[in-house]
Amino acid sequence: MYITVIRDLTARASVMLALSLALLCAAIAGSPAQTNSAPTPSSDKVEQLLKLLDDPEVKAWITAKGAPPVAEIPAVPSPNDFMLWL
């Protein structure tokens, strides 16, 4: 009787230890991505880009290239999204 209780407690402790290690690894792996920041472009480059985007020839080229339309992100996830996350 005591052996089954000890086995049960050992199994639960093993599961808790495994979950704790998994969370620790996830926290360590995710931290470098949060500290890196993208370099900001100079204002001259941004102005050049805006001028190019306003150019009728560039607009015509973009439409001829057939850039896909930007899809809107739904505000509320659907049940199918939840199943994909699992």
Protein backbone atom coordinates (compact mmCIF):
# COMPACT_ATOMS: atom_id res chain seq x y z
CA MET A 1 0.00 0.00 0.00
CA TYR A 2 2.74 2.46 0.88
CA ILE A 3 4.64 1.53 -2.25
CA THR A 4 1.77 2.63 -4.51
CA VAL A 5 1.53 5.96 -2.67
CA ILE A 6 5.26 6.52 -3.06
CA ARG A 7 5.11 5.60 -6.76
CA ASP A 8 2.23 8.00 -7.28
CA LEU A 9 4.04 10.85 -5.56
CA THR A 10 7.23 10.09 -7.50
CA ALA A 11 5.34 10.13 -10.79
CA ARG A 12 3.71 13.47 -9.96
CA ALA A 13 7.04 14.95 -8.89
CA SER A 14 8.63 13.76 -12.14
CA VAL A 15 5.91 15.41 -14.21
CA MET A 16 6.25 18.67 -12.29
CA LEU A 17 10.02 18.61 -12.72
CA ALA A 18 9.71 17.99 -16.46
CA LEU A 19 7.21 20.85 -16.84
CA SER A 20 9.43 23.17 -14.82
CA LEU A 21 12.45 22.36 -16.98
CA ALA A 22 10.44 22.87 -20.16
CA LEU A 23 9.25 26.29 -18.99
CA LEU A 24 12.76 27.26 -17.97
CA CYS A 25 14.14 26.28 -21.38
CA ALA A 26 11.38 28.23 -23.12
CA ALA A 27 12.11 31.31 -21.05
CA ILE A 28 15.83 31.12 -21.75
CA ALA A 29 15.36 30.52 -25.48
CA GLY A 30 12.91 33.42 -25.87
CA SER A 31 14.89 36.08 -24.06
CA PRO A 32 17.53 36.97 -26.74
CA ALA A 33 14.85 37.71 -29.32
CA GLN A 34 13.34 40.33 -27.07
CA THR A 35 16.56 42.26 -26.56
CA ASN A 36 17.48 42.66 -30.25
CA SER A 37 16.02 45.70 -31.94
CA ALA A 38 15.88 46.43 -35.64
CA PRO A 39 18.03 49.33 -36.84
CA THR A 40 16.05 52.44 -37.67
CA PRO A 41 16.54 53.82 -41.18
CA SER A 42 17.66 57.38 -41.67
CA SER A 43 15.06 60.00 -42.51
CA ASP A 44 16.63 60.50 -45.95
CA LYS A 45 16.02 56.87 -46.87
CA VAL A 46 12.44 57.05 -45.65
CA GLU A 47 11.81 60.18 -47.71
CA GLN A 48 13.30 58.49 -50.80
CA LEU A 49 11.03 55.48 -50.29
CA LEU A 50 7.95 57.66 -49.93
CA LYS A 51 8.87 59.59 -53.10
CA LEU A 52 9.32 56.34 -55.00
CA LEU A 53 5.99 55.01 -53.81
CA ASP A 54 4.28 58.20 -54.99
CA ASP A 55 5.83 57.89 -58.46
CA PRO A 56 3.16 56.85 -61.04
CA GLU A 57 5.61 54.54 -62.86
CA VAL A 58 6.40 52.68 -59.66
CA LYS A 59 2.71 52.41 -58.81
CA ALA A 60 2.01 51.00 -62.26
CA TRP A 61 4.86 48.50 -61.90
CA ILE A 62 3.57 47.35 -58.51
CA THR A 63 0.05 46.82 -59.82
CA ALA A 64 1.39 45.04 -62.92
CA LYS A 65 3.54 42.82 -60.72
CA GLY A 66 0.36 41.66 -59.03
CA ALA A 67 1.22 42.16 -55.40
CA PRO A 68 -1.19 40.14 -53.28
CA PRO A 69 -3.66 42.16 -51.24
CA VAL A 70 -2.98 42.44 -47.55
CA ALA A 71 -5.31 40.13 -45.65
CA GLU A 72 -7.04 41.51 -42.62
CA ILE A 73 -6.44 39.74 -39.33
CA PRO A 74 -9.69 38.75 -37.62
CA ALA A 75 -10.24 40.44 -34.28
CA VAL A 76 -11.50 37.26 -32.60
CA PRO A 77 -9.86 33.90 -33.28
CA SER A 78 -12.15 31.24 -34.66
CA PRO A 79 -12.54 27.77 -33.14
CA ASN A 80 -10.47 26.41 -36.03
CA ASP A 81 -7.58 28.68 -35.00
CA PHE A 82 -7.80 27.32 -31.49
CA MET A 83 -7.60 23.75 -32.76
CA LEU A 84 -4.53 24.64 -34.83
CA TRP A 85 -2.81 26.08 -31.77
CA LEU A 86 -3.29 22.80 -29.94
